[in-house]
Amino acid sequence: MKKSFVIGVGRLHGKAGLIAEGSFGKDLKDLLGQFSKGDGRGNVVMARIGDDALARLDQLVEAGLFGSRSECAAFLIGAGIASQKELFDRLGAHTEEIRKLKEQLRQVALDALKPHA
């Protein structure tokens, strides 16, 4: 389902259904939509969360900002990643190097385990 919103009294729809309804304005649409760009929500992640985190998700769902806990959690994960942009930028600079070192380590271990002729 495509997102739709009418400034003033309207509805904001996401893939999972109604996100918000009422007099919210364009700012809410922008806020809620900024983390669903690109590939959308095609991936599934199972997570165990504490009672407090669950209560916070439920508050946002009950307030009518999200249609489900899943939609709310996806938004909050996106917001958390965006708020840690500097961290991910710094990690990204080293990710490829770490991947190559792991592959070299794996190859050394495999070579050491091969029977010698």
PDB file of N, CA and C in Angstrom:
ATOM      1  N   MET A   1       0.837  -1.168   0.000  1.00  0.00           N
ATOM      2  CA  MET A   1       0.000   0.000   0.000  1.00  0.00           C
ATOM      3  C   MET A   1       0.890   1.242   0.000  1.00  0.00           C
ATOM      4  N   LYS A   2       0.606   2.184  -0.839  1.00  0.00           N
ATOM      5  CA  LYS A   2       1.388   3.414  -0.890  1.00  0.00           C
ATOM      6  C   LYS A   2       1.016   4.314   0.271  1.00  0.00           C
ATOM      7  N   LYS A   3       1.987   5.128   0.702  1.00  0.00           N
ATOM      8  CA  LYS A   3       1.717   6.099   1.741  1.00  0.00           C
ATOM      9  C   LYS A   3       0.820   7.181   1.175  1.00  0.00           C
ATOM     10  N   SER A   4      -0.121   7.608   1.979  1.00  0.00           N
ATOM     11  CA  SER A   4      -0.953   8.722   1.561  1.00  0.00           C
ATOM     12  C   SER A   4      -1.205   9.609   2.753  1.00  0.00           C
ATOM     13  N   PHE A   5      -1.310  10.916   2.500  1.00  0.00           N
ATOM     14  CA  PHE A   5      -1.571  11.837   3.598  1.00  0.00           C
ATOM     15  C   PHE A   5      -2.117  13.127   3.033  1.00  0.00           C
ATOM     16  N   VAL A   6      -3.116  13.627   3.670  1.00  0.00           N
ATOM     17  CA  VAL A   6      -3.672  14.917   3.303  1.00  0.00           C
ATOM     18  C   VAL A   6      -3.347  15.860   4.445  1.00  0.00           C
ATOM     19  N   ILE A   7      -2.712  16.989   4.130  1.00  0.00           N
ATOM     20  CA  ILE A   7      -2.374  17.946   5.184  1.00  0.00           C
ATOM     21  C   ILE A   7      -3.670  18.459   5.782  1.00  0.00           C
ATOM     22  N   GLY A   8      -3.679  18.538   7.097  1.00  0.00           N
ATOM     23  CA  GLY A   8      -4.899  18.884   7.821  1.00  0.00           C
ATOM     24  C   GLY A   8      -5.453  17.606   8.412  1.00  0.00           C
ATOM     25  N   VAL A   9      -6.671  17.284   8.111  1.00  0.00           N
ATOM     26  CA  VAL A   9      -7.250  16.031   8.594  1.00  0.00           C
ATOM     27  C   VAL A   9      -6.956  14.987   7.543  1.00  0.00           C
ATOM     28  N   GLY A  10      -6.279  13.906   7.918  1.00  0.00           N
ATOM     29  CA  GLY A  10      -5.928  12.910   6.928  1.00  0.00           C
ATOM     30  C   GLY A  10      -5.452  11.628   7.544  1.00  0.00           C
ATOM     31  N   ARG A  11      -4.931  10.780   6.703  1.00  0.00           N
ATOM     32  CA  ARG A  11      -4.429   9.481   7.120  1.00  0.00           C
ATOM     33  C   ARG A  11      -3.052   9.274   6.533  1.00  0.00           C
ATOM     34  N   LEU A  12      -2.206   8.595   7.288  1.00  0.00           N
ATOM     35  CA  LEU A  12      -0.874   8.236   6.811  1.00  0.00           C
ATOM     36  C   LEU A  12      -0.809   6.718   6.803  1.00  0.00           C
ATOM     37  N   HIS A  13      -0.619   6.142   5.624  1.00  0.00           N
ATOM     38  CA  HIS A  13      -0.594   4.684   5.484  1.00  0.00           C
ATOM     39  C   HIS A  13       0.822   4.205   5.225  1.00  0.00           C
ATOM     40  N   GLY A  14       1.171   3.079   5.826  1.00  0.00           N
ATOM     41  CA  GLY A  14       2.423   2.392   5.544  1.00  0.00           C
ATOM     42  C   GLY A  14       2.094   1.042   4.962  1.00  0.00           C
ATOM     43  N   LYS A  15       3.095   0.231   4.683  1.00  0.00           N
ATOM     44  CA  LYS A  15       2.869  -1.095   4.119  1.00  0.00           C
ATOM     45  C   LYS A  15       2.007  -1.961   5.027  1.00  0.00           C
ATOM     46  N   ALA A  16       2.147  -1.772   6.337  1.00  0.00           N
ATOM     47  CA  ALA A  16       1.401  -2.602   7.275  1.00  0.00           C
ATOM     48  C   ALA A  16       0.022  -2.024   7.585  1.00  0.00           C
ATOM     49  N   GLY A  17      -0.321  -0.878   7.044  1.00  0.00           N
ATOM     50  CA  GLY A  17      -1.640  -0.321   7.281  1.00  0.00           C
ATOM     51  C   GLY A  17      -1.574   1.103   7.786  1.00  0.00           C
ATOM     52  N   LEU A  18      -2.601   1.458   8.528  1.00  0.00           N
ATOM     53  CA  LEU A  18      -2.733   2.823   9.016  1.00  0.00           C
ATOM     54  C   LEU A  18      -1.634   3.143  10.014  1.00  0.00           C
ATOM     55  N   ILE A  19      -0.887   4.230   9.777  1.00  0.00           N
ATOM     56  CA  ILE A  19       0.124   4.683  10.721  1.00  0.00           C
ATOM     57  C   ILE A  19      -0.467   5.758  11.621  1.00  0.00           C
ATOM     58  N   ALA A  20      -1.144   6.705  11.048  1.00  0.00           N
ATOM     59  CA  ALA A  20      -1.700   7.787  11.858  1.00  0.00           C
ATOM     60  C   ALA A  20      -2.932   8.347  11.181  1.00  0.00           C
ATOM     61  N   GLU A  21      -3.799   8.906  11.991  1.00  0.00           N
ATOM     62  CA  GLU A  21      -5.006   9.502  11.455  1.00  0.00           C
ATOM     63  C   GLU A  21      -5.335  10.739  12.270  1.00  0.00           C
ATOM     64  N   GLY A  22      -5.704  11.812  11.618  1.00  0.00           N
ATOM     65  CA  GLY A  22      -6.073  13.016  12.340  1.00  0.00           C
ATOM     66  C   GLY A  22      -5.405  14.242  11.785  1.00  0.00           C
ATOM     67  N   SER A  23      -5.357  15.299  12.576  1.00  0.00           N
ATOM     68  CA  SER A  23      -4.775  16.577  12.164  1.00  0.00           C
ATOM     69  C   SER A  23      -3.325  16.641  12.602  1.00  0.00           C
ATOM     70  N   PHE A  24      -2.437  16.058  11.823  1.00  0.00           N
ATOM     71  CA  PHE A  24      -1.035  15.970  12.226  1.00  0.00           C
ATOM     72  C   PHE A  24      -0.130  16.870  11.401  1.00  0.00           C
ATOM     73  N   GLY A  25      -0.465  17.106  10.155  1.00  0.00           N
ATOM     74  CA  GLY A  25       0.358  17.955   9.310  1.00  0.00           C
ATOM     75  C   GLY A  25       1.481  17.203   8.635  1.00  0.00           C
ATOM     76  N   LYS A  26       2.201  17.905   7.771  1.00  0.00           N
ATOM     77  CA  LYS A  26       3.269  17.317   6.955  1.00  0.00           C
ATOM     78  C   LYS A  26       4.455  16.844   7.790  1.00  0.00           C
ATOM     79  N   ASP A  27       4.732  17.486   8.926  1.00  0.00           N
ATOM     80  CA  ASP A  27       5.880  17.104   9.744  1.00  0.00           C
ATOM     81  C   ASP A  27       5.810  15.652  10.203  1.00  0.00           C
ATOM     82  N   LEU A  28       4.627  15.193  10.596  1.00  0.00           N
ATOM     83  CA  LEU A  28       4.486  13.807  11.034  1.00  0.00           C
ATOM     84  C   LEU A  28       4.750  12.852   9.889  1.00  0.00           C
ATOM     85  N   LYS A  29       4.237  13.156   8.701  1.00  0.00           N
ATOM     86  CA  LYS A  29       4.477  12.309   7.534  1.00  0.00           C
ATOM     87  C   LYS A  29       5.964  12.189   7.266  1.00  0.00           C
ATOM     88  N   ASP A  30       6.667  13.318   7.302  1.00  0.00           N
ATOM     89  CA  ASP A  30       8.108  13.309   7.061  1.00  0.00           C
ATOM     90  C   ASP A  30       8.844  12.505   8.131  1.00  0.00           C
ATOM     91  N   LEU A  31       8.465  12.700   9.391  1.00  0.00           N
ATOM     92  CA  LEU A  31       9.114  11.998  10.493  1.00  0.00           C
ATOM     93  C   LEU A  31       8.938  10.493  10.376  1.00  0.00           C
ATOM     94  N   LEU A  32       7.721  10.058  10.158  1.00  0.00           N
ATOM     95  CA  LEU A  32       7.441   8.626  10.119  1.00  0.00           C
ATOM     96  C   LEU A  32       7.939   7.969   8.839  1.00  0.00           C
ATOM     97  N   GLY A  33       8.020   8.722   7.750  1.00  0.00           N
ATOM     98  CA  GLY A  33       8.413   8.143   6.479  1.00  0.00           C
ATOM     99  C   GLY A  33       9.904   8.115   6.214  1.00  0.00           C
ATOM    100  N   GLN A  34      10.690   8.847   6.993  1.00  0.00           N
ATOM    101  CA  GLN A  34      12.109   8.984   6.678  1.00  0.00           C
ATOM    102  C   GLN A  34      12.907   7.692   6.826  1.00  0.00           C
ATOM    103  N   PHE A  35      12.406   6.725   7.587  1.00  0.00           N
ATOM    104  CA  PHE A  35      13.156   5.486   7.778  1.00  0.00           C
ATOM    105  C   PHE A  35      12.600   4.334   6.959  1.00  0.00           C
ATOM    106  N   SER A  36      11.631   4.594   6.103  1.00  0.00           N
ATOM    107  CA  SER A  36      11.078   3.524   5.279  1.00  0.00           C
ATOM    108  C   SER A  36      11.416   3.709   3.811  1.00  0.00           C
ATOM    109  N   LYS A  37      12.400   4.550   3.519  1.00  0.00           N
ATOM    110  CA  LYS A  37      12.834   4.765   2.143  1.00  0.00           C
ATOM    111  C   LYS A  37      13.673   3.582   1.675  1.00  0.00           C
ATOM    112  N   GLY A  38      13.840   3.464   0.389  1.00  0.00           N
ATOM    113  CA  GLY A  38      14.684   2.412  -0.156  1.00  0.00           C
ATOM    114  C   GLY A  38      13.918   1.118  -0.321  1.00  0.00           C
ATOM    115  N   ASP A  39      14.444   0.048   0.235  1.00  0.00           N
ATOM    116  CA  ASP A  39      13.860  -1.275   0.050  1.00  0.00           C
ATOM    117  C   ASP A  39      12.616  -1.511   0.888  1.00  0.00           C
ATOM    118  N   GLY A  40      12.269  -0.595   1.759  1.00  0.00           N
ATOM    119  CA  GLY A  40      11.093  -0.798   2.583  1.00  0.00           C
ATOM    120  C   GLY A  40      11.376  -1.748   3.726  1.00  0.00           C
ATOM    121  N   ARG A  41      10.372  -2.536   4.072  1.00  0.00           N
ATOM    122  CA  ARG A  41      10.482  -3.422   5.237  1.00  0.00           C
ATOM    123  C   ARG A  41      10.392  -4.878   4.796  1.00  0.00           C
ATOM    124  N   GLY A  42      11.257  -5.307   3.904  1.00  0.00           N
ATOM    125  CA  GLY A  42      11.210  -6.663   3.372  1.00  0.00           C
ATOM    126  C   GLY A  42      11.977  -7.689   4.186  1.00  0.00           C
ATOM    127  N   ASN A  43      12.648  -7.286   5.240  1.00  0.00           N
ATOM    128  CA  ASN A  43      13.451  -8.213   6.043  1.00  0.00           C
ATOM    129  C   ASN A  43      12.791  -8.423   7.401  1.00  0.00           C
ATOM    130  N   VAL A  44      12.953  -9.634   7.925  1.00  0.00           N
ATOM    131  CA  VAL A  44      12.381  -9.981   9.222  1.00  0.00           C
ATOM    132  C   VAL A  44      13.508 -10.186  10.221  1.00  0.00           C
ATOM    133  N   VAL A  45      13.378  -9.581  11.395  1.00  0.00           N
ATOM    134  CA  VAL A  45      14.340  -9.748  12.481  1.00  0.00           C
ATOM    135  C   VAL A  45      13.554 -10.102  13.736  1.00  0.00           C
ATOM    136  N   MET A  46      13.890 -11.211  14.344  1.00  0.00           N
ATOM    137  CA  MET A  46      13.252 -11.598  15.605  1.00  0.00           C
ATOM    138  C   MET A  46      14.094 -11.035  16.739  1.00  0.00           C
ATOM    139  N   ALA A  47      13.446 -10.433  17.713  1.00  0.00           N
ATOM    140  CA  ALA A  47      14.184  -9.842  18.830  1.00  0.00           C
ATOM    141  C   ALA A  47      13.396 -10.033  20.119  1.00  0.00           C
ATOM    142  N   ARG A  48      14.108 -10.291  21.178  1.00  0.00           N
ATOM    143  CA  ARG A  48      13.495 -10.329  22.504  1.00  0.00           C
ATOM    144  C   ARG A  48      13.760  -8.978  23.145  1.00  0.00           C
ATOM    145  N   ILE A  49      12.724  -8.369  23.689  1.00  0.00           N
ATOM    146  CA  ILE A  49      12.878  -7.062  24.313  1.00  0.00           C
ATOM    147  C   ILE A  49      12.307  -7.111  25.718  1.00  0.00           C
ATOM    148  N   GLY A  50      12.748  -6.194  26.538  1.00  0.00           N
ATOM    149  CA  GLY A  50      12.296  -6.130  27.923  1.00  0.00           C
ATOM    150  C   GLY A  50      10.902  -5.539  28.049  1.00  0.00           C
ATOM    151  N   ASP A  51      10.364  -5.651  29.249  1.00  0.00           N
ATOM    152  CA  ASP A  51       9.019  -5.147  29.525  1.00  0.00           C
ATOM    153  C   ASP A  51       8.902  -3.652  29.280  1.00  0.00           C
ATOM    154  N   ASP A  52       9.928  -2.886  29.679  1.00  0.00           N
ATOM    155  CA  ASP A  52       9.879  -1.441  29.503  1.00  0.00           C
ATOM    156  C   ASP A  52       9.861  -1.071  28.024  1.00  0.00           C
ATOM    157  N   ALA A  53      10.705  -1.718  27.225  1.00  0.00           N
ATOM    158  CA  ALA A  53      10.741  -1.432  25.791  1.00  0.00           C
ATOM    159  C   ALA A  53       9.403  -1.793  25.146  1.00  0.00           C
ATOM    160  N   LEU A  54       8.820  -2.916  25.550  1.00  0.00           N
ATOM    161  CA  LEU A  54       7.526  -3.319  25.011  1.00  0.00           C
ATOM    162  C   LEU A  54       6.441  -2.305  25.378  1.00  0.00           C
ATOM    163  N   ALA A  55       6.486  -1.834  26.612  1.00  0.00           N
ATOM    164  CA  ALA A  55       5.513  -0.830  27.049  1.00  0.00           C
ATOM    165  C   ALA A  55       5.646   0.448  26.221  1.00  0.00           C
ATOM    166  N   ARG A  56       6.876   0.826  25.884  1.00  0.00           N
ATOM    167  CA  ARG A  56       7.092   2.031  25.069  1.00  0.00           C
ATOM    168  C   ARG A  56       6.546   1.842  23.650  1.00  0.00           C
ATOM    169  N   LEU A  57       6.765   0.651  23.073  1.00  0.00           N
ATOM    170  CA  LEU A  57       6.196   0.366  21.754  1.00  0.00           C
ATOM    171  C   LEU A  57       4.678   0.470  21.810  1.00  0.00           C
ATOM    172  N   ASP A  58       4.100  -0.156  22.836  1.00  0.00           N
ATOM    173  CA  ASP A  58       2.644  -0.147  22.974  1.00  0.00           C
ATOM    174  C   ASP A  58       2.102   1.266  23.145  1.00  0.00           C
ATOM    175  N   GLN A  59       2.842   2.132  23.842  1.00  0.00           N
ATOM    176  CA  GLN A  59       2.403   3.525  23.995  1.00  0.00           C
ATOM    177  C   GLN A  59       2.261   4.200  22.635  1.00  0.00           C
ATOM    178  N   LEU A  60       3.234   3.994  21.772  1.00  0.00           N
ATOM    179  CA  LEU A  60       3.205   4.627  20.456  1.00  0.00           C
ATOM    180  C   LEU A  60       2.108   4.037  19.572  1.00  0.00           C
ATOM    181  N   VAL A  61       1.896   2.723  19.694  1.00  0.00           N
ATOM    182  CA  VAL A  61       0.814   2.083  18.926  1.00  0.00           C
ATOM    183  C   VAL A  61      -0.541   2.568  19.440  1.00  0.00           C
ATOM    184  N   GLU A  62      -0.705   2.583  20.744  1.00  0.00           N
ATOM    185  CA  GLU A  62      -1.972   3.023  21.338  1.00  0.00           C
ATOM    186  C   GLU A  62      -2.254   4.494  21.052  1.00  0.00           C
ATOM    187  N   ALA A  63      -1.204   5.301  20.899  1.00  0.00           N
ATOM    188  CA  ALA A  63      -1.379   6.715  20.560  1.00  0.00           C
ATOM    189  C   ALA A  63      -1.804   6.892  19.107  1.00  0.00           C
ATOM    190  N   GLY A  64      -1.776   5.817  18.341  1.00  0.00           N
ATOM    191  CA  GLY A  64      -2.199   5.872  16.955  1.00  0.00           C
ATOM    192  C   GLY A  64      -1.132   6.286  15.976  1.00  0.00           C
ATOM    193  N   LEU A  65       0.123   6.353  16.435  1.00  0.00           N
ATOM    194  CA  LEU A  65       1.208   6.738  15.532  1.00  0.00           C
ATOM    195  C   LEU A  65       1.631   5.599  14.621  1.00  0.00           C
ATOM    196  N   PHE A  66       1.426   4.362  15.067  1.00  0.00           N
ATOM    197  CA  PHE A  66       1.800   3.189  14.289  1.00  0.00           C
ATOM    198  C   PHE A  66       0.665   2.180  14.332  1.00  0.00           C
ATOM    199  N   GLY A  67       0.565   1.375  13.293  1.00  0.00           N
ATOM    200  CA  GLY A  67      -0.484   0.380  13.216  1.00  0.00           C
ATOM    201  C   GLY A  67      -0.154  -0.912  13.915  1.00  0.00           C
ATOM    202  N   SER A  68       1.120  -1.104  14.275  1.00  0.00           N
ATOM    203  CA  SER A  68       1.519  -2.357  14.923  1.00  0.00           C
ATOM    204  C   SER A  68       2.832  -2.165  15.667  1.00  0.00           C
ATOM    205  N   ARG A  69       3.119  -3.123  16.538  1.00  0.00           N
ATOM    206  CA  ARG A  69       4.411  -3.114  17.234  1.00  0.00           C
ATOM    207  C   ARG A  69       5.548  -3.240  16.237  1.00  0.00           C
ATOM    208  N   SER A  70       5.350  -4.067  15.219  1.00  0.00           N
ATOM    209  CA  SER A  70       6.383  -4.287  14.205  1.00  0.00           C
ATOM    210  C   SER A  70       6.735  -2.990  13.483  1.00  0.00           C
ATOM    211  N   GLU A  71       5.709  -2.260  13.072  1.00  0.00           N
ATOM    212  CA  GLU A  71       5.929  -0.997  12.378  1.00  0.00           C
ATOM    213  C   GLU A  71       6.650  -0.003  13.284  1.00  0.00           C
ATOM    214  N   CYS A  72       6.260   0.023  14.545  1.00  0.00           N
ATOM    215  CA  CYS A  72       6.870   0.918  15.518  1.00  0.00           C
ATOM    216  C   CYS A  72       8.341   0.545  15.746  1.00  0.00           C
ATOM    217  N   ALA A  73       8.599  -0.744  15.926  1.00  0.00           N
ATOM    218  CA  ALA A  73       9.973  -1.202  16.153  1.00  0.00           C
ATOM    219  C   ALA A  73      10.852  -0.888  14.949  1.00  0.00           C
ATOM    220  N   ALA A  74      10.319  -1.079  13.741  1.00  0.00           N
ATOM    221  CA  ALA A  74      11.091  -0.766  12.532  1.00  0.00           C
ATOM    222  C   ALA A  74      11.457   0.713  12.497  1.00  0.00           C
ATOM    223  N   PHE A  75      10.510   1.568  12.849  1.00  0.00           N
ATOM    224  CA  PHE A  75      10.778   3.003  12.890  1.00  0.00           C
ATOM    225  C   PHE A  75      11.871   3.311  13.909  1.00  0.00           C
ATOM    226  N   LEU A  76      11.745   2.751  15.128  1.00  0.00           N
ATOM    227  CA  LEU A  76      12.711   3.056  16.184  1.00  0.00           C
ATOM    228  C   LEU A  76      14.105   2.521  15.860  1.00  0.00           C
ATOM    229  N   ILE A  77      14.181   1.378  15.204  1.00  0.00           N
ATOM    230  CA  ILE A  77      15.485   0.856  14.774  1.00  0.00           C
ATOM    231  C   ILE A  77      16.103   1.812  13.744  1.00  0.00           C
ATOM    232  N   GLY A  78      15.299   2.232  12.787  1.00  0.00           N
ATOM    233  CA  GLY A  78      15.787   3.187  11.789  1.00  0.00           C
ATOM    234  C   GLY A  78      16.252   4.486  12.420  1.00  0.00           C
ATOM    235  N   ALA A  79      15.474   4.975  13.397  1.00  0.00           N
ATOM    236  CA  ALA A  79      15.842   6.215  14.082  1.00  0.00           C
ATOM    237  C   ALA A  79      17.131   6.034  14.879  1.00  0.00           C
ATOM    238  N   GLY A  80      17.286   4.872  15.516  1.00  0.00           N
ATOM    239  CA  GLY A  80      18.505   4.601  16.279  1.00  0.00           C
ATOM    240  C   GLY A  80      19.733   4.539  15.384  1.00  0.00           C
ATOM    241  N   ILE A  81      19.593   3.889  14.247  1.00  0.00           N
ATOM    242  CA  ILE A  81      20.711   3.810  13.299  1.00  0.00           C
ATOM    243  C   ILE A  81      21.062   5.200  12.784  1.00  0.00           C
ATOM    244  N   ALA A  82      20.031   5.980  12.450  1.00  0.00           N
ATOM    245  CA  ALA A  82      20.281   7.342  11.958  1.00  0.00           C
ATOM    246  C   ALA A  82      20.962   8.198  13.021  1.00  0.00           C
ATOM    247  N   SER A  83      20.588   8.004  14.279  1.00  0.00           N
ATOM    248  CA  SER A  83      21.189   8.816  15.343  1.00  0.00           C
ATOM    249  C   SER A  83      22.634   8.421  15.619  1.00  0.00           C
ATOM    250  N   GLN A  84      23.052   7.249  15.154  1.00  0.00           N
ATOM    251  CA  GLN A  84      24.419   6.776  15.346  1.00  0.00           C
ATOM    252  C   GLN A  84      25.197   6.761  14.030  1.00  0.00           C
ATOM    253  N   LYS A  85      24.856   7.681  13.127  1.00  0.00           N
ATOM    254  CA  LYS A  85      25.487   7.742  11.809  1.00  0.00           C
ATOM    255  C   LYS A  85      27.008   7.798  11.909  1.00  0.00           C
ATOM    256  N   GLU A  86      27.523   8.611  12.797  1.00  0.00           N
ATOM    257  CA  GLU A  86      28.980   8.745  12.941  1.00  0.00           C
ATOM    258  C   GLU A  86      29.618   7.407  13.309  1.00  0.00           C
ATOM    259  N   LEU A  87      29.002   6.677  14.218  1.00  0.00           N
ATOM    260  CA  LEU A  87      29.514   5.360  14.612  1.00  0.00           C
ATOM    261  C   LEU A  87      29.574   4.427  13.408  1.00  0.00           C
ATOM    262  N   PHE A  88      28.471   4.345  12.646  1.00  0.00           N
ATOM    263  CA  PHE A  88      28.436   3.443  11.500  1.00  0.00           C
ATOM    264  C   PHE A  88      29.395   3.883  10.398  1.00  0.00           C
ATOM    265  N   ASP A  89      29.577   5.184  10.238  1.00  0.00           N
ATOM    266  CA  ASP A  89      30.564   5.677   9.260  1.00  0.00           C
ATOM    267  C   ASP A  89      31.974   5.227   9.654  1.00  0.00           C
ATOM    268  N   ARG A  90      32.282   5.338  10.937  1.00  0.00           N
ATOM    269  CA  ARG A  90      33.619   4.929  11.412  1.00  0.00           C
ATOM    270  C   ARG A  90      33.805   3.420  11.280  1.00  0.00           C
ATOM    271  N   LEU A  91      32.771   2.650  11.617  1.00  0.00           N
ATOM    272  CA  LEU A  91      32.865   1.191  11.496  1.00  0.00           C
ATOM    273  C   LEU A  91      32.989   0.764  10.040  1.00  0.00           C
ATOM    274  N   GLY A  92      32.256   1.437   9.176  1.00  0.00           N
ATOM    275  CA  GLY A  92      32.276   1.086   7.760  1.00  0.00           C
ATOM    276  C   GLY A  92      33.648   1.196   7.142  1.00  0.00           C
ATOM    277  N   ALA A  93      34.444   2.104   7.643  1.00  0.00           N
ATOM    278  CA  ALA A  93      35.799   2.283   7.112  1.00  0.00           C
ATOM    279  C   ALA A  93      36.670   1.055   7.378  1.00  0.00           C
ATOM    280  N   HIS A  94      36.319   0.261   8.377  1.00  0.00           N
ATOM    281  CA  HIS A  94      37.140  -0.894   8.751  1.00  0.00           C
ATOM    282  C   HIS A  94      36.482  -2.241   8.442  1.00  0.00           C
ATOM    283  N   THR A  95      35.229  -2.233   8.057  1.00  0.00           N
ATOM    284  CA  THR A  95      34.491  -3.475   7.853  1.00  0.00           C
ATOM    285  C   THR A  95      35.131  -4.372   6.798  1.00  0.00           C
ATOM    286  N   GLU A  96      35.512  -3.826   5.670  1.00  0.00           N
ATOM    287  CA  GLU A  96      36.102  -4.633   4.604  1.00  0.00           C
ATOM    288  C   GLU A  96      37.437  -5.231   5.043  1.00  0.00           C
ATOM    289  N   GLU A  97      38.232  -4.462   5.749  1.00  0.00           N
ATOM    290  CA  GLU A  97      39.515  -4.962   6.246  1.00  0.00           C
ATOM    291  C   GLU A  97      39.294  -6.129   7.212  1.00  0.00           C
ATOM    292  N   ILE A  98      38.320  -5.994   8.092  1.00  0.00           N
ATOM    293  CA  ILE A  98      38.011  -7.061   9.052  1.00  0.00           C
ATOM    294  C   ILE A  98      37.534  -8.305   8.320  1.00  0.00           C
ATOM    295  N   ARG A  99      36.678  -8.143   7.291  1.00  0.00           N
ATOM    296  CA  ARG A  99      36.187  -9.286   6.521  1.00  0.00           C
ATOM    297  C   ARG A  99      37.346 -10.030   5.856  1.00  0.00           C
ATOM    298  N   LYS A 100      38.302  -9.290   5.277  1.00  0.00           N
ATOM    299  CA  LYS A 100      39.453  -9.913   4.625  1.00  0.00           C
ATOM    300  C   LYS A 100      40.325 -10.669   5.636  1.00  0.00           C
ATOM    301  N   LEU A 101      40.551 -10.076   6.812  1.00  0.00           N
ATOM    302  CA  LEU A 101      41.350 -10.742   7.842  1.00  0.00           C
ATOM    303  C   LEU A 101      40.674 -12.027   8.331  1.00  0.00           C
ATOM    304  N   LYS A 102      39.370 -11.997   8.471  1.00  0.00           N
ATOM    305  CA  LYS A 102      38.638 -13.204   8.889  1.00  0.00           C
ATOM    306  C   LYS A 102      38.773 -14.301   7.848  1.00  0.00           C
ATOM    307  N   GLU A 103      38.686 -13.929   6.582  1.00  0.00           N
ATOM    308  CA  GLU A 103      38.825 -14.914   5.512  1.00  0.00           C
ATOM    309  C   GLU A 103      40.236 -15.503   5.509  1.00  0.00           C
ATOM    310  N   GLN A 104      41.265 -14.664   5.717  1.00  0.00           N
ATOM    311  CA  GLN A 104      42.639 -15.165   5.795  1.00  0.00           C
ATOM    312  C   GLN A 104      42.797 -16.117   6.976  1.00  0.00           C
ATOM    313  N   LEU A 105      42.217 -15.765   8.123  1.00  0.00           N
ATOM    314  CA  LEU A 105      42.284 -16.611   9.308  1.00  0.00           C
ATOM    315  C   LEU A 105      41.596 -17.949   9.058  1.00  0.00           C
ATOM    316  N   ARG A 106      40.458 -17.908   8.405  1.00  0.00           N
ATOM    317  CA  ARG A 106      39.731 -19.137   8.071  1.00  0.00           C
ATOM    318  C   ARG A 106      40.585 -20.028   7.168  1.00  0.00           C
ATOM    319  N   GLN A 107      41.236 -19.426   6.181  1.00  0.00           N
ATOM    320  CA  GLN A 107      42.062 -20.198   5.252  1.00  0.00           C
ATOM    321  C   GLN A 107      43.269 -20.814   5.968  1.00  0.00           C
ATOM    322  N   VAL A 108      43.892 -20.072   6.881  1.00  0.00           N
ATOM    323  CA  VAL A 108      45.014 -20.604   7.657  1.00  0.00           C
ATOM    324  C   VAL A 108      44.559 -21.807   8.470  1.00  0.00           C
ATOM    325  N   ALA A 109      43.395 -21.705   9.098  1.00  0.00           N
ATOM    326  CA  ALA A 109      42.869 -22.809   9.904  1.00  0.00           C
ATOM    327  C   ALA A 109      42.565 -24.025   9.038  1.00  0.00           C
ATOM    328  N   LEU A 110      41.961 -23.804   7.870  1.00  0.00           N
ATOM    329  CA  LEU A 110      41.667 -24.928   6.968  1.00  0.00           C
ATOM    330  C   LEU A 110      42.946 -25.598   6.492  1.00  0.00           C
ATOM    331  N   ASP A 111      43.950 -24.800   6.143  1.00  0.00           N
ATOM    332  CA  ASP A 111      45.226 -25.355   5.695  1.00  0.00           C
ATOM    333  C   ASP A 111      45.885 -26.175   6.790  1.00  0.00           C
ATOM    334  N   ALA A 112      45.796 -25.710   8.036  1.00  0.00           N
ATOM    335  CA  ALA A 112      46.406 -26.419   9.163  1.00  0.00           C
ATOM    336  C   ALA A 112      45.684 -27.729   9.453  1.00  0.00           C
ATOM    337  N   LEU A 113      44.416 -27.815   9.134  1.00  0.00           N
ATOM    338  CA  LEU A 113      43.628 -29.032   9.411  1.00  0.00           C
ATOM    339  C   LEU A 113      43.709 -30.062   8.293  1.00  0.00           C
ATOM    340  N   LYS A 114      44.246 -29.693   7.129  1.00  0.00           N
ATOM    341  CA  LYS A 114      44.357 -30.631   6.017  1.00  0.00           C
ATOM    342  C   LYS A 114      45.386 -31.699   6.361  1.00  0.00           C
ATOM    343  N   PRO A 115      45.079 -32.957   5.998  1.00  0.00           N
ATOM    344  CA  PRO A 115      46.074 -34.009   6.224  1.00  0.00           C
ATOM    345  C   PRO A 115      47.307 -33.790   5.336  1.00  0.00           C
ATOM    346  N   HIS A 116      48.463 -34.008   5.934  1.00  0.00           N
ATOM    347  CA  HIS A 116      49.708 -33.837   5.169  1.00  0.00           C
ATOM    348  C   HIS A 116      50.054 -35.141   4.478  1.00  0.00           C
ATOM    349  N   ALA A 117      50.424 -35.063   3.194  1.00  0.00           N
ATOM    350  CA  ALA A 117      50.733 -36.257   2.407  1.00  0.00           C
ATOM    351  C   ALA A 117      52.157 -36.665   2.531  1.00  0.00           C
TER     352      ALA A 117
END
